[in-house]
Amino acid sequence: MTPLFRRRRREPAPGGPAKQRLVRVAVAMHQPEAEMLASLLDQLGIPVLIRRTTFDVPDMLAAGPRELLVPEDRAIEARALLDPLPSDEETS
C-alpha cells in the first residue's frame, strides 16, 4: 500500500544559494541582553538571528530567555567573541 502523501527531499536550486544550518551560540536572559550580544556579532559581520525560547506572554514584553543563532560555519568565531575566556576544559 502506497502512502497518499510522500515527502520529497528539497534540493537547492542549481546555481542558487544553499541554505545554511543555524546553531545556537548563546542564550540571553532577556531581549535587551540578546540585542547587545547580537550587535557585537553584527559588528564583525556575523549574521545572527534572535529567537524566543519560550512562549510569548504579552504582559512580559521583553522578558524571557532568547537564543542567538548563527550559521554553522561562523559558530566557532561567534563563540570566541562572546566567551573570550578559556574554560577549565581548554586549559587542562
PDB file of N, CA and C in Angstrom:
ATOM      1  N   MET A   1       0.829  -1.161   0.000  1.00  0.00           N
ATOM      2  CA  MET A   1       0.000   0.000   0.000  1.00  0.00           C
ATOM      3  C   MET A   1       0.889   1.245   0.000  1.00  0.00           C
ATOM      4  N   THR A   2       0.619   2.150  -0.892  1.00  0.00           N
ATOM      5  CA  THR A   2       1.438   3.349  -1.013  1.00  0.00           C
ATOM      6  C   THR A   2       0.808   4.489  -0.226  1.00  0.00           C
ATOM      7  N   PRO A   3       1.648   5.323   0.379  1.00  0.00           N
ATOM      8  CA  PRO A   3       1.097   6.461   1.115  1.00  0.00           C
ATOM      9  C   PRO A   3       0.517   7.497   0.151  1.00  0.00           C
ATOM     10  N   LEU A   4      -0.490   8.200   0.623  1.00  0.00           N
ATOM     11  CA  LEU A   4      -1.111   9.220  -0.219  1.00  0.00           C
ATOM     12  C   LEU A   4      -0.203  10.425  -0.423  1.00  0.00           C
ATOM     13  N   PHE A   5       0.536  10.752   0.608  1.00  0.00           N
ATOM     14  CA  PHE A   5       1.431  11.900   0.517  1.00  0.00           C
ATOM     15  C   PHE A   5       2.851  11.430   0.766  1.00  0.00           C
ATOM     16  N   ARG A   6       3.724  11.808  -0.085  1.00  0.00           N
ATOM     17  CA  ARG A   6       5.129  11.449   0.079  1.00  0.00           C
ATOM     18  C   ARG A   6       5.941  12.706   0.299  1.00  0.00           C
ATOM     19  N   ARG A   7       6.854  12.604   1.209  1.00  0.00           N
ATOM     20  CA  ARG A   7       7.743  13.740   1.443  1.00  0.00           C
ATOM     21  C   ARG A   7       8.893  13.659   0.463  1.00  0.00           C
ATOM     22  N   ARG A   8       9.156  14.783  -0.148  1.00  0.00           N
ATOM     23  CA  ARG A   8      10.279  14.846  -1.074  1.00  0.00           C
ATOM     24  C   ARG A   8      11.404  15.641  -0.451  1.00  0.00           C
ATOM     25  N   ARG A   9      12.601  15.211  -0.697  1.00  0.00           N
ATOM     26  CA  ARG A   9      13.746  15.988  -0.252  1.00  0.00           C
ATOM     27  C   ARG A   9      13.870  17.195  -1.155  1.00  0.00           C
ATOM     28  N   ARG A  10      14.018  18.319  -0.527  1.00  0.00           N
ATOM     29  CA  ARG A  10      14.157  19.542  -1.318  1.00  0.00           C
ATOM     30  C   ARG A  10      15.627  19.804  -1.583  1.00  0.00           C
ATOM     31  N   GLU A  11      15.974  19.774  -2.799  1.00  0.00           N
ATOM     32  CA  GLU A  11      17.343  20.048  -3.213  1.00  0.00           C
ATOM     33  C   GLU A  11      17.457  21.531  -3.542  1.00  0.00           C
ATOM     34  N   PRO A  12      18.597  22.152  -3.232  1.00  0.00           N
ATOM     35  CA  PRO A  12      18.752  23.560  -3.599  1.00  0.00           C
ATOM     36  C   PRO A  12      18.754  23.716  -5.111  1.00  0.00           C
ATOM     37  N   ALA A  13      18.225  24.825  -5.553  1.00  0.00           N
ATOM     38  CA  ALA A  13      18.189  25.087  -6.991  1.00  0.00           C
ATOM     39  C   ALA A  13      19.609  25.171  -7.520  1.00  0.00           C
ATOM     40  N   PRO A  14      19.849  24.642  -8.728  1.00  0.00           N
ATOM     41  CA  PRO A  14      21.204  24.713  -9.280  1.00  0.00           C
ATOM     42  C   PRO A  14      21.633  26.166  -9.432  1.00  0.00           C
ATOM     43  N   GLY A  15      22.806  26.473  -8.907  1.00  0.00           N
ATOM     44  CA  GLY A  15      23.331  27.818  -9.009  1.00  0.00           C
ATOM     45  C   GLY A  15      22.791  28.751  -7.941  1.00  0.00           C
ATOM     46  N   GLY A  16      21.809  28.314  -7.171  1.00  0.00           N
ATOM     47  CA  GLY A  16      21.230  29.145  -6.116  1.00  0.00           C
ATOM     48  C   GLY A  16      21.987  28.956  -4.814  1.00  0.00           C
ATOM     49  N   PRO A  17      21.765  29.863  -3.877  1.00  0.00           N
ATOM     50  CA  PRO A  17      22.468  29.724  -2.593  1.00  0.00           C
ATOM     51  C   PRO A  17      21.912  28.551  -1.802  1.00  0.00           C
ATOM     52  N   ALA A  18      22.803  27.797  -1.206  1.00  0.00           N
ATOM     53  CA  ALA A  18      22.394  26.674  -0.369  1.00  0.00           C
ATOM     54  C   ALA A  18      22.040  27.195   1.015  1.00  0.00           C
ATOM     55  N   LYS A  19      21.035  26.610   1.637  1.00  0.00           N
ATOM     56  CA  LYS A  19      20.655  27.035   2.975  1.00  0.00           C
ATOM     57  C   LYS A  19      21.679  26.534   3.973  1.00  0.00           C
ATOM     58  N   GLN A  20      22.042  27.420   4.878  1.00  0.00           N
ATOM     59  CA  GLN A  20      22.991  27.037   5.908  1.00  0.00           C
ATOM     60  C   GLN A  20      22.243  26.684   7.182  1.00  0.00           C
ATOM     61  N   ARG A  21      22.775  25.743   7.888  1.00  0.00           N
ATOM     62  CA  ARG A  21      22.186  25.328   9.155  1.00  0.00           C
ATOM     63  C   ARG A  21      22.557  26.340  10.228  1.00  0.00           C
ATOM     64  N   LEU A  22      21.588  26.717  11.068  1.00  0.00           N
ATOM     65  CA  LEU A  22      21.842  27.652  12.152  1.00  0.00           C
ATOM     66  C   LEU A  22      22.094  26.882  13.439  1.00  0.00           C
ATOM     67  N   VAL A  23      23.066  27.357  14.229  1.00  0.00           N
ATOM     68  CA  VAL A  23      23.385  26.726  15.505  1.00  0.00           C
ATOM     69  C   VAL A  23      23.319  27.768  16.609  1.00  0.00           C
ATOM     70  N   ARG A  24      22.988  27.319  17.814  1.00  0.00           N
ATOM     71  CA  ARG A  24      22.901  28.219  18.956  1.00  0.00           C
ATOM     72  C   ARG A  24      24.296  28.468  19.517  1.00  0.00           C
ATOM     73  N   VAL A  25      24.638  29.743  19.688  1.00  0.00           N
ATOM     74  CA  VAL A  25      25.939  30.084  20.258  1.00  0.00           C
ATOM     75  C   VAL A  25      25.824  30.729  21.631  1.00  0.00           C
ATOM     76  N   ALA A  26      24.636  31.226  21.979  1.00  0.00           N
ATOM     77  CA  ALA A  26      24.464  31.863  23.285  1.00  0.00           C
ATOM     78  C   ALA A  26      22.985  31.889  23.650  1.00  0.00           C
ATOM     79  N   VAL A  27      22.740  32.046  24.945  1.00  0.00           N
ATOM     80  CA  VAL A  27      21.387  32.234  25.454  1.00  0.00           C
ATOM     81  C   VAL A  27      21.414  33.487  26.315  1.00  0.00           C
ATOM     82  N   ALA A  28      20.533  34.431  26.005  1.00  0.00           N
ATOM     83  CA  ALA A  28      20.414  35.666  26.774  1.00  0.00           C
ATOM     84  C   ALA A  28      19.203  35.554  27.684  1.00  0.00           C
ATOM     85  N   MET A  29      19.238  36.245  28.798  1.00  0.00           N
ATOM     86  CA  MET A  29      18.151  36.164  29.763  1.00  0.00           C
ATOM     87  C   MET A  29      16.941  37.008  29.379  1.00  0.00           C
ATOM     88  N   HIS A  30      17.135  38.039  28.511  1.00  0.00           N
ATOM     89  CA  HIS A  30      16.026  38.887  28.078  1.00  0.00           C
ATOM     90  C   HIS A  30      16.406  39.591  26.778  1.00  0.00           C
ATOM     91  N   GLN A  31      15.442  40.261  26.165  1.00  0.00           N
ATOM     92  CA  GLN A  31      15.619  40.882  24.849  1.00  0.00           C
ATOM     93  C   GLN A  31      16.754  41.908  24.796  1.00  0.00           C
ATOM     94  N   PRO A  32      16.870  42.842  25.745  1.00  0.00           N
ATOM     95  CA  PRO A  32      17.971  43.811  25.661  1.00  0.00           C
ATOM     96  C   PRO A  32      19.352  43.162  25.672  1.00  0.00           C
ATOM     97  N   GLU A  33      19.526  42.128  26.482  1.00  0.00           N
ATOM     98  CA  GLU A  33      20.809  41.420  26.510  1.00  0.00           C
ATOM     99  C   GLU A  33      21.064  40.733  25.172  1.00  0.00           C
ATOM    100  N   ALA A  34      20.040  40.130  24.601  1.00  0.00           N
ATOM    101  CA  ALA A  34      20.182  39.464  23.308  1.00  0.00           C
ATOM    102  C   ALA A  34      20.548  40.462  22.221  1.00  0.00           C
ATOM    103  N   GLU A  35      19.939  41.638  22.236  1.00  0.00           N
ATOM    104  CA  GLU A  35      20.255  42.653  21.231  1.00  0.00           C
ATOM    105  C   GLU A  35      21.672  43.180  21.389  1.00  0.00           C
ATOM    106  N   MET A  36      22.156  43.295  22.631  1.00  0.00           N
ATOM    107  CA  MET A  36      23.526  43.733  22.862  1.00  0.00           C
ATOM    108  C   MET A  36      24.524  42.719  22.290  1.00  0.00           C
ATOM    109  N   LEU A  37      24.289  41.432  22.570  1.00  0.00           N
ATOM    110  CA  LEU A  37      25.174  40.388  22.049  1.00  0.00           C
ATOM    111  C   LEU A  37      25.088  40.312  20.527  1.00  0.00           C
ATOM    112  N   ALA A  38      23.898  40.483  19.976  1.00  0.00           N
ATOM    113  CA  ALA A  38      23.727  40.451  18.522  1.00  0.00           C
ATOM    114  C   ALA A  38      24.459  41.608  17.862  1.00  0.00           C
ATOM    115  N   SER A  39      24.484  42.776  18.507  1.00  0.00           N
ATOM    116  CA  SER A  39      25.196  43.906  17.918  1.00  0.00           C
ATOM    117  C   SER A  39      26.706  43.667  17.907  1.00  0.00           C
ATOM    118  N   LEU A  40      27.227  42.961  18.925  1.00  0.00           N
ATOM    119  CA  LEU A  40      28.646  42.606  18.920  1.00  0.00           C
ATOM    120  C   LEU A  40      28.977  41.703  17.735  1.00  0.00           C
ATOM    121  N   LEU A  41      28.121  40.717  17.512  1.00  0.00           N
ATOM    122  CA  LEU A  41      28.341  39.804  16.387  1.00  0.00           C
ATOM    123  C   LEU A  41      28.186  40.533  15.055  1.00  0.00           C
ATOM    124  N   ASP A  42      27.219  41.433  14.986  1.00  0.00           N
ATOM    125  CA  ASP A  42      26.965  42.169  13.749  1.00  0.00           C
ATOM    126  C   ASP A  42      28.136  43.071  13.384  1.00  0.00           C
ATOM    127  N   GLN A  43      28.840  43.622  14.377  1.00  0.00           N
ATOM    128  CA  GLN A  43      29.996  44.476  14.112  1.00  0.00           C
ATOM    129  C   GLN A  43      31.111  43.720  13.400  1.00  0.00           C
ATOM    130  N   LEU A  44      31.190  42.410  13.629  1.00  0.00           N
ATOM    131  CA  LEU A  44      32.202  41.587  12.946  1.00  0.00           C
ATOM    132  C   LEU A  44      31.673  40.953  11.670  1.00  0.00           C
ATOM    133  N   GLY A  45      30.440  41.283  11.317  1.00  0.00           N
ATOM    134  CA  GLY A  45      29.881  40.759  10.078  1.00  0.00           C
ATOM    135  C   GLY A  45      29.333  39.351  10.197  1.00  0.00           C
ATOM    136  N   ILE A  46      29.047  38.913  11.409  1.00  0.00           N
ATOM    137  CA  ILE A  46      28.468  37.586  11.621  1.00  0.00           C
ATOM    138  C   ILE A  46      26.951  37.733  11.653  1.00  0.00           C
ATOM    139  N   PRO A  47      26.233  37.130  10.716  1.00  0.00           N
ATOM    140  CA  PRO A  47      24.772  37.224  10.737  1.00  0.00           C
ATOM    141  C   PRO A  47      24.217  36.481  11.949  1.00  0.00           C
ATOM    142  N   VAL A  48      23.223  37.070  12.593  1.00  0.00           N
ATOM    143  CA  VAL A  48      22.679  36.488  13.819  1.00  0.00           C
ATOM    144  C   VAL A  48      21.159  36.580  13.800  1.00  0.00           C
ATOM    145  N   LEU A  49      20.519  35.564  14.366  1.00  0.00           N
ATOM    146  CA  LEU A  49      19.069  35.512  14.494  1.00  0.00           C
ATOM    147  C   LEU A  49      18.746  35.357  15.971  1.00  0.00           C
ATOM    148  N   ILE A  50      17.854  36.217  16.480  1.00  0.00           N
ATOM    149  CA  ILE A  50      17.421  36.127  17.866  1.00  0.00           C
ATOM    150  C   ILE A  50      16.074  35.420  17.881  1.00  0.00           C
ATOM    151  N   ARG A  51      15.971  34.367  18.709  1.00  0.00           N
ATOM    152  CA  ARG A  51      14.738  33.590  18.770  1.00  0.00           C
ATOM    153  C   ARG A  51      14.307  33.420  20.225  1.00  0.00           C
ATOM    154  N   ARG A  52      13.024  33.639  20.471  1.00  0.00           N
ATOM    155  CA  ARG A  52      12.462  33.436  21.813  1.00  0.00           C
ATOM    156  C   ARG A  52      12.434  31.940  22.091  1.00  0.00           C
ATOM    157  N   THR A  53      12.830  31.544  23.301  1.00  0.00           N
ATOM    158  CA  THR A  53      12.898  30.113  23.610  1.00  0.00           C
ATOM    159  C   THR A  53      11.636  29.591  24.278  1.00  0.00           C
ATOM    160  N   THR A  54      10.791  30.483  24.780  1.00  0.00           N
ATOM    161  CA  THR A  54       9.559  30.055  25.442  1.00  0.00           C
ATOM    162  C   THR A  54       8.380  30.700  24.745  1.00  0.00           C
ATOM    163  N   PHE A  55       7.194  30.443  25.252  1.00  0.00           N
ATOM    164  CA  PHE A  55       6.001  31.024  24.659  1.00  0.00           C
ATOM    165  C   PHE A  55       5.936  32.525  24.949  1.00  0.00           C
ATOM    166  N   ASP A  56       5.152  33.233  24.173  1.00  0.00           N
ATOM    167  CA  ASP A  56       5.042  34.676  24.285  1.00  0.00           C
ATOM    168  C   ASP A  56       3.954  35.059  25.278  1.00  0.00           C
ATOM    169  N   VAL A  57       4.299  35.923  26.220  1.00  0.00           N
ATOM    170  CA  VAL A  57       3.334  36.477  27.170  1.00  0.00           C
ATOM    171  C   VAL A  57       3.312  37.980  26.942  1.00  0.00           C
ATOM    172  N   PRO A  58       2.225  38.535  26.424  1.00  0.00           N
ATOM    173  CA  PRO A  58       2.190  39.964  26.090  1.00  0.00           C
ATOM    174  C   PRO A  58       2.510  40.886  27.262  1.00  0.00           C
ATOM    175  N   ASP A  59       2.156  40.502  28.481  1.00  0.00           N
ATOM    176  CA  ASP A  59       2.425  41.351  29.634  1.00  0.00           C
ATOM    177  C   ASP A  59       3.911  41.441  29.962  1.00  0.00           C
ATOM    178  N   MET A  60       4.689  40.471  29.516  1.00  0.00           N
ATOM    179  CA  MET A  60       6.108  40.444  29.869  1.00  0.00           C
ATOM    180  C   MET A  60       6.971  41.247  28.895  1.00  0.00           C
ATOM    181  N   LEU A  61       6.481  41.534  27.715  1.00  0.00           N
ATOM    182  CA  LEU A  61       7.184  42.302  26.682  1.00  0.00           C
ATOM    183  C   LEU A  61       8.565  41.736  26.395  1.00  0.00           C
ATOM    184  N   ALA A  62       9.625  42.369  26.892  1.00  0.00           N
ATOM    185  CA  ALA A  62      10.980  41.951  26.536  1.00  0.00           C
ATOM    186  C   ALA A  62      11.557  40.917  27.480  1.00  0.00           C
ATOM    187  N   ALA A  63      10.780  40.409  28.408  1.00  0.00           N
ATOM    188  CA  ALA A  63      11.291  39.432  29.365  1.00  0.00           C
ATOM    189  C   ALA A  63      11.312  38.039  28.737  1.00  0.00           C
ATOM    190  N   GLY A  64      12.074  37.187  29.334  1.00  0.00           N
ATOM    191  CA  GLY A  64      12.144  35.802  28.873  1.00  0.00           C
ATOM    192  C   GLY A  64      13.410  35.524  28.098  1.00  0.00           C
ATOM    193  N   PRO A  65      13.877  34.291  28.151  1.00  0.00           N
ATOM    194  CA  PRO A  65      15.139  33.935  27.502  1.00  0.00           C
ATOM    195  C   PRO A  65      15.066  33.988  25.980  1.00  0.00           C
ATOM    196  N   ARG A  66      16.219  34.269  25.366  1.00  0.00           N
ATOM    197  CA  ARG A  66      16.360  34.328  23.913  1.00  0.00           C
ATOM    198  C   ARG A  66      17.591  33.521  23.502  1.00  0.00           C
ATOM    199  N   GLU A  67      17.517  32.875  22.359  1.00  0.00           N
ATOM    200  CA  GLU A  67      18.663  32.163  21.783  1.00  0.00           C
ATOM    201  C   GLU A  67      19.262  33.019  20.679  1.00  0.00           C
ATOM    202  N   LEU A  68      20.573  32.994  20.562  1.00  0.00           N
ATOM    203  CA  LEU A  68      21.257  33.644  19.457  1.00  0.00           C
ATOM    204  C   LEU A  68      21.751  32.549  18.517  1.00  0.00           C
ATOM    205  N   LEU A  69      21.292  32.586  17.280  1.00  0.00           N
ATOM    206  CA  LEU A  69      21.633  31.579  16.287  1.00  0.00           C
ATOM    207  C   LEU A  69      22.484  32.210  15.199  1.00  0.00           C
ATOM    208  N   VAL A  70      23.537  31.497  14.790  1.00  0.00           N
ATOM    209  CA  VAL A  70      24.405  31.950  13.708  1.00  0.00           C
ATOM    210  C   VAL A  70      24.612  30.796  12.728  1.00  0.00           C
ATOM    211  N   PRO A  71      25.054  31.087  11.503  1.00  0.00           N
ATOM    212  CA  PRO A  71      25.352  29.997  10.561  1.00  0.00           C
ATOM    213  C   PRO A  71      26.438  29.082  11.121  1.00  0.00           C
ATOM    214  N   GLU A  72      26.312  27.815  10.802  1.00  0.00           N
ATOM    215  CA  GLU A  72      27.213  26.803  11.362  1.00  0.00           C
ATOM    216  C   GLU A  72      28.683  27.094  11.083  1.00  0.00           C
ATOM    217  N   ASP A  73      28.990  27.630   9.919  1.00  0.00           N
ATOM    218  CA  ASP A  73      30.387  27.887   9.576  1.00  0.00           C
ATOM    219  C   ASP A  73      30.984  29.076  10.329  1.00  0.00           C
ATOM    220  N   ARG A  74      30.165  29.896  10.985  1.00  0.00           N
ATOM    221  CA  ARG A  74      30.659  31.041  11.751  1.00  0.00           C
ATOM    222  C   ARG A  74      30.516  30.834  13.260  1.00  0.00           C
ATOM    223  N   ALA A  75      30.094  29.653  13.691  1.00  0.00           N
ATOM    224  CA  ALA A  75      29.805  29.394  15.100  1.00  0.00           C
ATOM    225  C   ALA A  75      31.050  29.496  15.980  1.00  0.00           C
ATOM    226  N   ILE A  76      32.164  28.956  15.543  1.00  0.00           N
ATOM    227  CA  ILE A  76      33.384  28.995  16.357  1.00  0.00           C
ATOM    228  C   ILE A  76      33.834  30.431  16.566  1.00  0.00           C
ATOM    229  N   GLU A  77      33.785  31.217  15.519  1.00  0.00           N
ATOM    230  CA  GLU A  77      34.165  32.620  15.607  1.00  0.00           C
ATOM    231  C   GLU A  77      33.227  33.383  16.551  1.00  0.00           C
ATOM    232  N   ALA A  78      31.938  33.117  16.467  1.00  0.00           N
ATOM    233  CA  ALA A  78      30.963  33.791  17.319  1.00  0.00           C
ATOM    234  C   ALA A  78      31.148  33.399  18.778  1.00  0.00           C
ATOM    235  N   ARG A  79      31.376  32.126  19.050  1.00  0.00           N
ATOM    236  CA  ARG A  79      31.585  31.689  20.433  1.00  0.00           C
ATOM    237  C   ARG A  79      32.856  32.286  21.015  1.00  0.00           C
ATOM    238  N   ALA A  80      33.898  32.405  20.194  1.00  0.00           N
ATOM    239  CA  ALA A  80      35.141  33.008  20.666  1.00  0.00           C
ATOM    240  C   ALA A  80      34.941  34.481  21.017  1.00  0.00           C
ATOM    241  N   LEU A  81      34.110  35.167  20.271  1.00  0.00           N
ATOM    242  CA  LEU A  81      33.846  36.577  20.556  1.00  0.00           C
ATOM    243  C   LEU A  81      33.007  36.731  21.820  1.00  0.00           C
ATOM    244  N   LEU A  82      31.991  35.891  21.982  1.00  0.00           N
ATOM    245  CA  LEU A  82      31.083  36.035  23.114  1.00  0.00           C
ATOM    246  C   LEU A  82      31.655  35.483  24.416  1.00  0.00           C
ATOM    247  N   ASP A  83      32.550  34.519  24.359  1.00  0.00           N
ATOM    248  CA  ASP A  83      33.153  33.936  25.561  1.00  0.00           C
ATOM    249  C   ASP A  83      34.670  33.890  25.371  1.00  0.00           C
ATOM    250  N   PRO A  84      35.357  35.028  25.561  1.00  0.00           N
ATOM    251  CA  PRO A  84      36.791  35.069  25.266  1.00  0.00           C
ATOM    252  C   PRO A  84      37.666  34.344  26.272  1.00  0.00           C
ATOM    253  N   LEU A  85      37.161  34.049  27.483  1.00  0.00           N
ATOM    254  CA  LEU A  85      37.969  33.368  28.488  1.00  0.00           C
ATOM    255  C   LEU A  85      37.924  31.871  28.256  1.00  0.00           C
ATOM    256  N   PRO A  86      39.067  31.203  28.318  1.00  0.00           N
ATOM    257  CA  PRO A  86      39.064  29.742  28.119  1.00  0.00           C
ATOM    258  C   PRO A  86      38.386  29.043  29.285  1.00  0.00           C
ATOM    259  N   SER A  87      37.690  27.977  28.976  1.00  0.00           N
ATOM    260  CA  SER A  87      37.029  27.206  30.025  1.00  0.00           C
ATOM    261  C   SER A  87      38.046  26.308  30.712  1.00  0.00           C
ATOM    262  N   ASP A  88      37.636  25.659  31.800  1.00  0.00           N
ATOM    263  CA  ASP A  88      38.538  24.763  32.538  1.00  0.00           C
ATOM    264  C   ASP A  88      38.973  23.599  31.672  1.00  0.00           C
ATOM    265  N   GLU A  89      38.103  23.135  30.768  1.00  0.00           N
ATOM    266  CA  GLU A  89      38.434  22.008  29.911  1.00  0.00           C
ATOM    267  C   GLU A  89      39.541  22.372  28.921  1.00  0.00           C
ATOM    268  N   GLU A  90      39.550  23.625  28.442  1.00  0.00           N
ATOM    269  CA  GLU A  90      40.547  24.043  27.457  1.00  0.00           C
ATOM    270  C   GLU A  90      41.911  24.262  28.095  1.00  0.00           C
ATOM    271  N   THR A  91      41.980  24.637  29.368  1.00  0.00           N
ATOM    272  CA  THR A  91      43.248  24.938  29.993  1.00  0.00           C
ATOM    273  C   THR A  91      43.973  23.698  30.476  1.00  0.00           C
ATOM    274  N   SER A  92      43.280  22.573  30.672  1.00  0.00           N
ATOM    275  CA  SER A  92      43.964  21.376  31.167  1.00  0.00           C
ATOM    276  C   SER A  92      44.462  20.512  30.067  1.00  0.00           C
TER     277      SER A  92
END
